[in-house]
Amino acid sequence: MSQTIKAGFVYFAMVLGAGFILGALRVPFLVPRIGERWAELAEMPVMAAVIFFAAGYILRRFPHIRSPARSLAAGFLADVTSNF
């Protein structure tokens, strides 16, 4: 498997896993107290930080994708994978 494809899948898995865990906490604990929309807005900064740190981890773990084209390919693969 190409390292770029592997990096895209690892990035996808990290962000999806964090979103799943945060969603599992958000729905039963925050939604009843502050409502669906405010709970989603409260989760957004945490997800932004997860995305930022996951991208940094991927660039350190897979150093060959540091070129802009390969980074975009890995990110595009992660995005396309999340739409299925």
PDB file of N, CA and C in Angstrom:
ATOM      1  N   MET A   1       0.853  -1.175   0.000  1.00  0.00           N
ATOM      2  CA  MET A   1       0.000   0.000   0.000  1.00  0.00           C
ATOM      3  C   MET A   1       0.898   1.237   0.000  1.00  0.00           C
ATOM      4  N   SER A   2       0.532   2.181  -0.808  1.00  0.00           N
ATOM      5  CA  SER A   2       1.300   3.419  -0.883  1.00  0.00           C
ATOM      6  C   SER A   2       1.269   4.153   0.465  1.00  0.00           C
ATOM      7  N   GLN A   3       2.374   4.781   0.801  1.00  0.00           N
ATOM      8  CA  GLN A   3       2.454   5.515   2.067  1.00  0.00           C
ATOM      9  C   GLN A   3       1.465   6.676   2.105  1.00  0.00           C
ATOM     10  N   THR A   4       1.185   7.286   0.955  1.00  0.00           N
ATOM     11  CA  THR A   4       0.218   8.382   0.907  1.00  0.00           C
ATOM     12  C   THR A   4      -1.182   7.879   1.226  1.00  0.00           C
ATOM     13  N   ILE A   5      -1.543   6.743   0.684  1.00  0.00           N
ATOM     14  CA  ILE A   5      -2.859   6.157   0.965  1.00  0.00           C
ATOM     15  C   ILE A   5      -2.943   5.758   2.434  1.00  0.00           C
ATOM     16  N   LYS A   6      -1.886   5.162   2.938  1.00  0.00           N
ATOM     17  CA  LYS A   6      -1.864   4.774   4.351  1.00  0.00           C
ATOM     18  C   LYS A   6      -1.996   5.994   5.254  1.00  0.00           C
ATOM     19  N   ALA A   7      -1.299   7.075   4.916  1.00  0.00           N
ATOM     20  CA  ALA A   7      -1.393   8.304   5.708  1.00  0.00           C
ATOM     21  C   ALA A   7      -2.811   8.862   5.682  1.00  0.00           C
ATOM     22  N   GLY A   8      -3.456   8.816   4.520  1.00  0.00           N
ATOM     23  CA  GLY A   8      -4.835   9.294   4.425  1.00  0.00           C
ATOM     24  C   GLY A   8      -5.784   8.490   5.283  1.00  0.00           C
ATOM     25  N   PHE A   9      -5.626   7.174   5.277  1.00  0.00           N
ATOM     26  CA  PHE A   9      -6.489   6.325   6.092  1.00  0.00           C
ATOM     27  C   PHE A   9      -6.226   6.508   7.586  1.00  0.00           C
ATOM     28  N   VAL A  10      -4.977   6.676   7.972  1.00  0.00           N
ATOM     29  CA  VAL A  10      -4.666   6.888   9.394  1.00  0.00           C
ATOM     30  C   VAL A  10      -5.247   8.218   9.868  1.00  0.00           C
ATOM     31  N   TYR A  11      -5.107   9.255   9.048  1.00  0.00           N
ATOM     32  CA  TYR A  11      -5.675  10.563   9.397  1.00  0.00           C
ATOM     33  C   TYR A  11      -7.187  10.467   9.523  1.00  0.00           C
ATOM     34  N   PHE A  12      -7.818   9.804   8.568  1.00  0.00           N
ATOM     35  CA  PHE A  12      -9.269   9.610   8.612  1.00  0.00           C
ATOM     36  C   PHE A  12      -9.685   8.890   9.887  1.00  0.00           C
ATOM     37  N   ALA A  13      -8.964   7.823  10.238  1.00  0.00           N
ATOM     38  CA  ALA A  13      -9.317   7.037  11.416  1.00  0.00           C
ATOM     39  C   ALA A  13      -9.156   7.848  12.703  1.00  0.00           C
ATOM     40  N   MET A  14      -8.110   8.660  12.762  1.00  0.00           N
ATOM     41  CA  MET A  14      -7.887   9.464  13.970  1.00  0.00           C
ATOM     42  C   MET A  14      -9.005  10.483  14.168  1.00  0.00           C
ATOM     43  N   VAL A  15      -9.352  11.189  13.101  1.00  0.00           N
ATOM     44  CA  VAL A  15     -10.377  12.230  13.214  1.00  0.00           C
ATOM     45  C   VAL A  15     -11.757  11.606  13.406  1.00  0.00           C
ATOM     46  N   LEU A  16     -12.037  10.519  12.702  1.00  0.00           N
ATOM     47  CA  LEU A  16     -13.323   9.844  12.881  1.00  0.00           C
ATOM     48  C   LEU A  16     -13.461   9.312  14.303  1.00  0.00           C
ATOM     49  N   GLY A  17     -12.400   8.701  14.822  1.00  0.00           N
ATOM     50  CA  GLY A  17     -12.449   8.170  16.180  1.00  0.00           C
ATOM     51  C   GLY A  17     -12.692   9.246  17.218  1.00  0.00           C
ATOM     52  N   ALA A  18     -12.014  10.366  17.058  1.00  0.00           N
ATOM     53  CA  ALA A  18     -12.217  11.473  18.000  1.00  0.00           C
ATOM     54  C   ALA A  18     -13.637  12.018  17.888  1.00  0.00           C
ATOM     55  N   GLY A  19     -14.131  12.142  16.668  1.00  0.00           N
ATOM     56  CA  GLY A  19     -15.507  12.624  16.481  1.00  0.00           C
ATOM     57  C   GLY A  19     -16.530  11.670  17.070  1.00  0.00           C
ATOM     58  N   PHE A  20     -16.278  10.378  16.928  1.00  0.00           N
ATOM     59  CA  PHE A  20     -17.191   9.392  17.498  1.00  0.00           C
ATOM     60  C   PHE A  20     -17.219   9.484  19.019  1.00  0.00           C
ATOM     61  N   ILE A  21     -16.046   9.572  19.623  1.00  0.00           N
ATOM     62  CA  ILE A  21     -15.974   9.656  21.089  1.00  0.00           C
ATOM     63  C   ILE A  21     -16.621  10.948  21.591  1.00  0.00           C
ATOM     64  N   LEU A  22     -16.305  12.057  20.931  1.00  0.00           N
ATOM     65  CA  LEU A  22     -16.906  13.329  21.360  1.00  0.00           C
ATOM     66  C   LEU A  22     -18.415  13.331  21.150  1.00  0.00           C
ATOM     67  N   GLY A  23     -18.870  12.732  20.056  1.00  0.00           N
ATOM     68  CA  GLY A  23     -20.314  12.647  19.811  1.00  0.00           C
ATOM     69  C   GLY A  23     -21.012  11.794  20.852  1.00  0.00           C
ATOM     70  N   ALA A  24     -20.353  10.717  21.260  1.00  0.00           N
ATOM     71  CA  ALA A  24     -20.941   9.853  22.287  1.00  0.00           C
ATOM     72  C   ALA A  24     -21.034  10.566  23.636  1.00  0.00           C
ATOM     73  N   LEU A  25     -20.155  11.514  23.864  1.00  0.00           N
ATOM     74  CA  LEU A  25     -20.234  12.304  25.096  1.00  0.00           C
ATOM     75  C   LEU A  25     -21.180  13.491  24.952  1.00  0.00           C
ATOM     76  N   ARG A  26     -21.199  14.082  23.767  1.00  0.00           N
ATOM     77  CA  ARG A  26     -22.008  15.278  23.526  1.00  0.00           C
ATOM     78  C   ARG A  26     -23.498  14.992  23.634  1.00  0.00           C
ATOM     79  N   VAL A  27     -23.949  13.924  22.991  1.00  0.00           N
ATOM     80  CA  VAL A  27     -25.385  13.668  22.907  1.00  0.00           C
ATOM     81  C   VAL A  27     -26.019  13.427  24.273  1.00  0.00           C
ATOM     82  N   PRO A  28     -25.497  12.543  25.108  1.00  0.00           N
ATOM     83  CA  PRO A  28     -26.192  12.329  26.381  1.00  0.00           C
ATOM     84  C   PRO A  28     -25.943  13.403  27.443  1.00  0.00           C
ATOM     85  N   PHE A  29     -24.824  14.108  27.349  1.00  0.00           N
ATOM     86  CA  PHE A  29     -24.494  15.039  28.429  1.00  0.00           C
ATOM     87  C   PHE A  29     -24.757  16.503  28.091  1.00  0.00           C
ATOM     88  N   LEU A  30     -24.405  16.929  26.895  1.00  0.00           N
ATOM     89  CA  LEU A  30     -24.558  18.352  26.563  1.00  0.00           C
ATOM     90  C   LEU A  30     -25.901  18.688  25.919  1.00  0.00           C
ATOM     91  N   VAL A  31     -26.380  17.840  25.041  1.00  0.00           N
ATOM     92  CA  VAL A  31     -27.610  18.161  24.308  1.00  0.00           C
ATOM     93  C   VAL A  31     -28.791  18.391  25.242  1.00  0.00           C
ATOM     94  N   PRO A  32     -29.042  17.550  26.244  1.00  0.00           N
ATOM     95  CA  PRO A  32     -30.191  17.822  27.121  1.00  0.00           C
ATOM     96  C   PRO A  32     -30.058  19.129  27.923  1.00  0.00           C
ATOM     97  N   ARG A  33     -28.832  19.557  28.169  1.00  0.00           N
ATOM     98  CA  ARG A  33     -28.628  20.750  29.003  1.00  0.00           C
ATOM     99  C   ARG A  33     -28.629  22.044  28.199  1.00  0.00           C
ATOM    100  N   ILE A  34     -27.972  22.032  27.037  1.00  0.00           N
ATOM    101  CA  ILE A  34     -27.828  23.300  26.306  1.00  0.00           C
ATOM    102  C   ILE A  34     -28.418  23.262  24.904  1.00  0.00           C
ATOM    103  N   GLY A  35     -28.938  22.131  24.480  1.00  0.00           N
ATOM    104  CA  GLY A  35     -29.549  22.025  23.159  1.00  0.00           C
ATOM    105  C   GLY A  35     -28.556  21.521  22.119  1.00  0.00           C
ATOM    106  N   GLU A  36     -29.121  21.017  21.024  1.00  0.00           N
ATOM    107  CA  GLU A  36     -28.303  20.383  19.986  1.00  0.00           C
ATOM    108  C   GLU A  36     -27.316  21.351  19.346  1.00  0.00           C
ATOM    109  N   ARG A  37     -27.802  22.520  18.951  1.00  0.00           N
ATOM    110  CA  ARG A  37     -26.928  23.453  18.226  1.00  0.00           C
ATOM    111  C   ARG A  37     -25.787  23.958  19.099  1.00  0.00           C
ATOM    112  N   TRP A  38     -26.066  24.328  20.341  1.00  0.00           N
ATOM    113  CA  TRP A  38     -25.017  24.838  21.218  1.00  0.00           C
ATOM    114  C   TRP A  38     -24.028  23.729  21.588  1.00  0.00           C
ATOM    115  N   ALA A  39     -24.519  22.500  21.691  1.00  0.00           N
ATOM    116  CA  ALA A  39     -23.615  21.384  21.971  1.00  0.00           C
ATOM    117  C   ALA A  39     -22.663  21.161  20.799  1.00  0.00           C
ATOM    118  N   GLU A  40     -23.175  21.263  19.572  1.00  0.00           N
ATOM    119  CA  GLU A  40     -22.312  21.140  18.395  1.00  0.00           C
ATOM    120  C   GLU A  40     -21.286  22.273  18.350  1.00  0.00           C
ATOM    121  N   LEU A  41     -21.722  23.473  18.663  1.00  0.00           N
ATOM    122  CA  LEU A  41     -20.798  24.610  18.670  1.00  0.00           C
ATOM    123  C   LEU A  41     -19.732  24.464  19.764  1.00  0.00           C
ATOM    124  N   ALA A  42     -20.094  23.868  20.882  1.00  0.00           N
ATOM    125  CA  ALA A  42     -19.111  23.642  21.952  1.00  0.00           C
ATOM    126  C   ALA A  42     -18.092  22.582  21.546  1.00  0.00           C
ATOM    127  N   GLU A  43     -18.493  21.651  20.700  1.00  0.00           N
ATOM    128  CA  GLU A  43     -17.601  20.585  20.264  1.00  0.00           C
ATOM    129  C   GLU A  43     -16.637  21.049  19.166  1.00  0.00           C
ATOM    130  N   MET A  44     -16.993  22.076  18.437  1.00  0.00           N
ATOM    131  CA  MET A  44     -16.199  22.507  17.284  1.00  0.00           C
ATOM    132  C   MET A  44     -14.755  22.872  17.620  1.00  0.00           C
ATOM    133  N   PRO A  45     -14.457  23.640  18.663  1.00  0.00           N
ATOM    134  CA  PRO A  45     -13.049  23.944  18.946  1.00  0.00           C
ATOM    135  C   PRO A  45     -12.231  22.702  19.300  1.00  0.00           C
ATOM    136  N   VAL A  46     -12.857  21.751  19.955  1.00  0.00           N
ATOM    137  CA  VAL A  46     -12.153  20.516  20.298  1.00  0.00           C
ATOM    138  C   VAL A  46     -11.824  19.747  19.025  1.00  0.00           C
ATOM    139  N   MET A  47     -12.782  19.647  18.103  1.00  0.00           N
ATOM    140  CA  MET A  47     -12.533  18.950  16.840  1.00  0.00           C
ATOM    141  C   MET A  47     -11.490  19.684  16.009  1.00  0.00           C
ATOM    142  N   ALA A  48     -11.493  20.998  16.035  1.00  0.00           N
ATOM    143  CA  ALA A  48     -10.470  21.755  15.302  1.00  0.00           C
ATOM    144  C   ALA A  48      -9.082  21.441  15.846  1.00  0.00           C
ATOM    145  N   ALA A  49      -8.961  21.338  17.164  1.00  0.00           N
ATOM    146  CA  ALA A  49      -7.674  20.986  17.766  1.00  0.00           C
ATOM    147  C   ALA A  49      -7.272  19.558  17.408  1.00  0.00           C
ATOM    148  N   VAL A  50      -8.235  18.638  17.404  1.00  0.00           N
ATOM    149  CA  VAL A  50      -7.946  17.248  17.027  1.00  0.00           C
ATOM    150  C   VAL A  50      -7.450  17.200  15.587  1.00  0.00           C
ATOM    151  N   ILE A  51      -8.087  17.921  14.687  1.00  0.00           N
ATOM    152  CA  ILE A  51      -7.682  17.943  13.286  1.00  0.00           C
ATOM    153  C   ILE A  51      -6.273  18.508  13.153  1.00  0.00           C
ATOM    154  N   PHE A  52      -5.990  19.587  13.858  1.00  0.00           N
ATOM    155  CA  PHE A  52      -4.675  20.218  13.806  1.00  0.00           C
ATOM    156  C   PHE A  52      -3.578  19.264  14.285  1.00  0.00           C
ATOM    157  N   PHE A  53      -3.793  18.649  15.449  1.00  0.00           N
ATOM    158  CA  PHE A  53      -2.775  17.762  16.007  1.00  0.00           C
ATOM    159  C   PHE A  53      -2.663  16.450  15.234  1.00  0.00           C
ATOM    160  N   ALA A  54      -3.778  15.962  14.697  1.00  0.00           N
ATOM    161  CA  ALA A  54      -3.719  14.744  13.879  1.00  0.00           C
ATOM    162  C   ALA A  54      -2.928  15.004  12.603  1.00  0.00           C
ATOM    163  N   ALA A  55      -3.112  16.162  11.990  1.00  0.00           N
ATOM    164  CA  ALA A  55      -2.356  16.496  10.785  1.00  0.00           C
ATOM    165  C   ALA A  55      -0.866  16.593  11.098  1.00  0.00           C
ATOM    166  N   GLY A  56      -0.511  17.189  12.221  1.00  0.00           N
ATOM    167  CA  GLY A  56       0.889  17.265  12.621  1.00  0.00           C
ATOM    168  C   GLY A  56       1.479  15.894  12.872  1.00  0.00           C
ATOM    169  N   TYR A  57       0.702  15.028  13.502  1.00  0.00           N
ATOM    170  CA  TYR A  57       1.171  13.663  13.754  1.00  0.00           C
ATOM    171  C   TYR A  57       1.403  12.928  12.436  1.00  0.00           C
ATOM    172  N   ILE A  58       0.491  13.077  11.503  1.00  0.00           N
ATOM    173  CA  ILE A  58       0.624  12.399  10.211  1.00  0.00           C
ATOM    174  C   ILE A  58       1.872  12.893   9.489  1.00  0.00           C
ATOM    175  N   LEU A  59       2.136  14.184   9.535  1.00  0.00           N
ATOM    176  CA  LEU A  59       3.324  14.708   8.866  1.00  0.00           C
ATOM    177  C   LEU A  59       4.617  14.230   9.533  1.00  0.00           C
ATOM    178  N   ARG A  60       4.588  14.014  10.842  1.00  0.00           N
ATOM    179  CA  ARG A  60       5.771  13.472  11.520  1.00  0.00           C
ATOM    180  C   ARG A  60       5.910  11.970  11.281  1.00  0.00           C
ATOM    181  N   ARG A  61       4.814  11.255  11.280  1.00  0.00           N
ATOM    182  CA  ARG A  61       4.838   9.788  11.127  1.00  0.00           C
ATOM    183  C   ARG A  61       5.134   9.362   9.691  1.00  0.00           C
ATOM    184  N   PHE A  62       4.659  10.143   8.719  1.00  0.00           N
ATOM    185  CA  PHE A  62       4.858   9.848   7.301  1.00  0.00           C
ATOM    186  C   PHE A  62       5.604  11.020   6.663  1.00  0.00           C
ATOM    187  N   PRO A  63       6.906  11.131   6.878  1.00  0.00           N
ATOM    188  CA  PRO A  63       7.645  12.315   6.419  1.00  0.00           C
ATOM    189  C   PRO A  63       7.701  12.473   4.903  1.00  0.00           C
ATOM    190  N   HIS A  64       7.481  11.411   4.148  1.00  0.00           N
ATOM    191  CA  HIS A  64       7.556  11.529   2.693  1.00  0.00           C
ATOM    192  C   HIS A  64       6.384  12.316   2.108  1.00  0.00           C
ATOM    193  N   ILE A  65       5.299  12.517   2.860  1.00  0.00           N
ATOM    194  CA  ILE A  65       4.158  13.257   2.305  1.00  0.00           C
ATOM    195  C   ILE A  65       4.235  14.753   2.615  1.00  0.00           C
ATOM    196  N   ARG A  66       5.388  15.232   2.974  1.00  0.00           N
ATOM    197  CA  ARG A  66       5.515  16.658   3.297  1.00  0.00           C
ATOM    198  C   ARG A  66       5.440  17.553   2.076  1.00  0.00           C
ATOM    199  N   SER A  67       5.463  16.998   0.895  1.00  0.00           N
ATOM    200  CA  SER A  67       5.287  17.841  -0.285  1.00  0.00           C
ATOM    201  C   SER A  67       3.814  18.230  -0.385  1.00  0.00           C
ATOM    202  N   PRO A  68       3.528  19.420  -0.904  1.00  0.00           N
ATOM    203  CA  PRO A  68       2.127  19.858  -0.972  1.00  0.00           C
ATOM    204  C   PRO A  68       1.221  18.902  -1.749  1.00  0.00           C
ATOM    205  N   ALA A  69       1.702  18.342  -2.834  1.00  0.00           N
ATOM    206  CA  ALA A  69       0.857  17.464  -3.641  1.00  0.00           C
ATOM    207  C   ALA A  69       0.486  16.198  -2.877  1.00  0.00           C
ATOM    208  N   ARG A  70       1.436  15.600  -2.196  1.00  0.00           N
ATOM    209  CA  ARG A  70       1.144  14.372  -1.449  1.00  0.00           C
ATOM    210  C   ARG A  70       0.290  14.650  -0.219  1.00  0.00           C
ATOM    211  N   SER A  71       0.517  15.787   0.431  1.00  0.00           N
ATOM    212  CA  SER A  71      -0.320  16.148   1.577  1.00  0.00           C
ATOM    213  C   SER A  71      -1.759  16.356   1.147  1.00  0.00           C
ATOM    214  N   LEU A  72      -1.944  17.038   0.025  1.00  0.00           N
ATOM    215  CA  LEU A  72      -3.302  17.233  -0.493  1.00  0.00           C
ATOM    216  C   LEU A  72      -3.937  15.914  -0.894  1.00  0.00           C
ATOM    217  N   ALA A  73      -3.146  15.012  -1.463  1.00  0.00           N
ATOM    218  CA  ALA A  73      -3.681  13.705  -1.845  1.00  0.00           C
ATOM    219  C   ALA A  73      -4.140  12.929  -0.616  1.00  0.00           C
ATOM    220  N   ALA A  74      -3.347  12.933   0.445  1.00  0.00           N
ATOM    221  CA  ALA A  74      -3.729  12.228   1.675  1.00  0.00           C
ATOM    222  C   ALA A  74      -4.972  12.867   2.291  1.00  0.00           C
ATOM    223  N   GLY A  75      -5.023  14.186   2.317  1.00  0.00           N
ATOM    224  CA  GLY A  75      -6.201  14.869   2.850  1.00  0.00           C
ATOM    225  C   GLY A  75      -7.432  14.633   2.004  1.00  0.00           C
ATOM    226  N   PHE A  76      -7.253  14.621   0.683  1.00  0.00           N
ATOM    227  CA  PHE A  76      -8.385  14.357  -0.202  1.00  0.00           C
ATOM    228  C   PHE A  76      -8.903  12.930   0.006  1.00  0.00           C
ATOM    229  N   LEU A  77      -8.001  11.987   0.147  1.00  0.00           N
ATOM    230  CA  LEU A  77      -8.390  10.604   0.397  1.00  0.00           C
ATOM    231  C   LEU A  77      -9.158  10.492   1.715  1.00  0.00           C
ATOM    232  N   ALA A  78      -8.698  11.158   2.737  1.00  0.00           N
ATOM    233  CA  ALA A  78      -9.403  11.127   4.025  1.00  0.00           C
ATOM    234  C   ALA A  78     -10.779  11.755   3.897  1.00  0.00           C
ATOM    235  N   ASP A  79     -10.894  12.828   3.118  1.00  0.00           N
ATOM    236  CA  ASP A  79     -12.184  13.488   2.929  1.00  0.00           C
ATOM    237  C   ASP A  79     -13.136  12.615   2.124  1.00  0.00           C
ATOM    238  N   VAL A  80     -12.644  12.023   1.066  1.00  0.00           N
ATOM    239  CA  VAL A  80     -13.494  11.150   0.245  1.00  0.00           C
ATOM    240  C   VAL A  80     -13.936   9.951   1.060  1.00  0.00           C
ATOM    241  N   THR A  81     -13.058   9.399   1.872  1.00  0.00           N
ATOM    242  CA  THR A  81     -13.397   8.261   2.703  1.00  0.00           C
ATOM    243  C   THR A  81     -14.478   8.631   3.705  1.00  0.00           C
ATOM    244  N   SER A  82     -14.457   9.844   4.210  1.00  0.00           N
ATOM    245  CA  SER A  82     -15.453  10.235   5.218  1.00  0.00           C
ATOM    246  C   SER A  82     -16.842  10.410   4.629  1.00  0.00           C
ATOM    247  N   ASN A  83     -16.957  10.510   3.322  1.00  0.00           N
ATOM    248  CA  ASN A  83     -18.259  10.703   2.685  1.00  0.00           C
ATOM    249  C   ASN A  83     -18.965   9.385   2.387  1.00  0.00           C
ATOM    250  N   PHE A  84     -18.324   8.247   2.665  1.00  0.00           N
ATOM    251  CA  PHE A  84     -18.965   6.962   2.407  1.00  0.00           C
ATOM    252  C   PHE A  84     -19.633   6.434   3.609  1.00  0.00           C
TER     253      PHE A  84
END
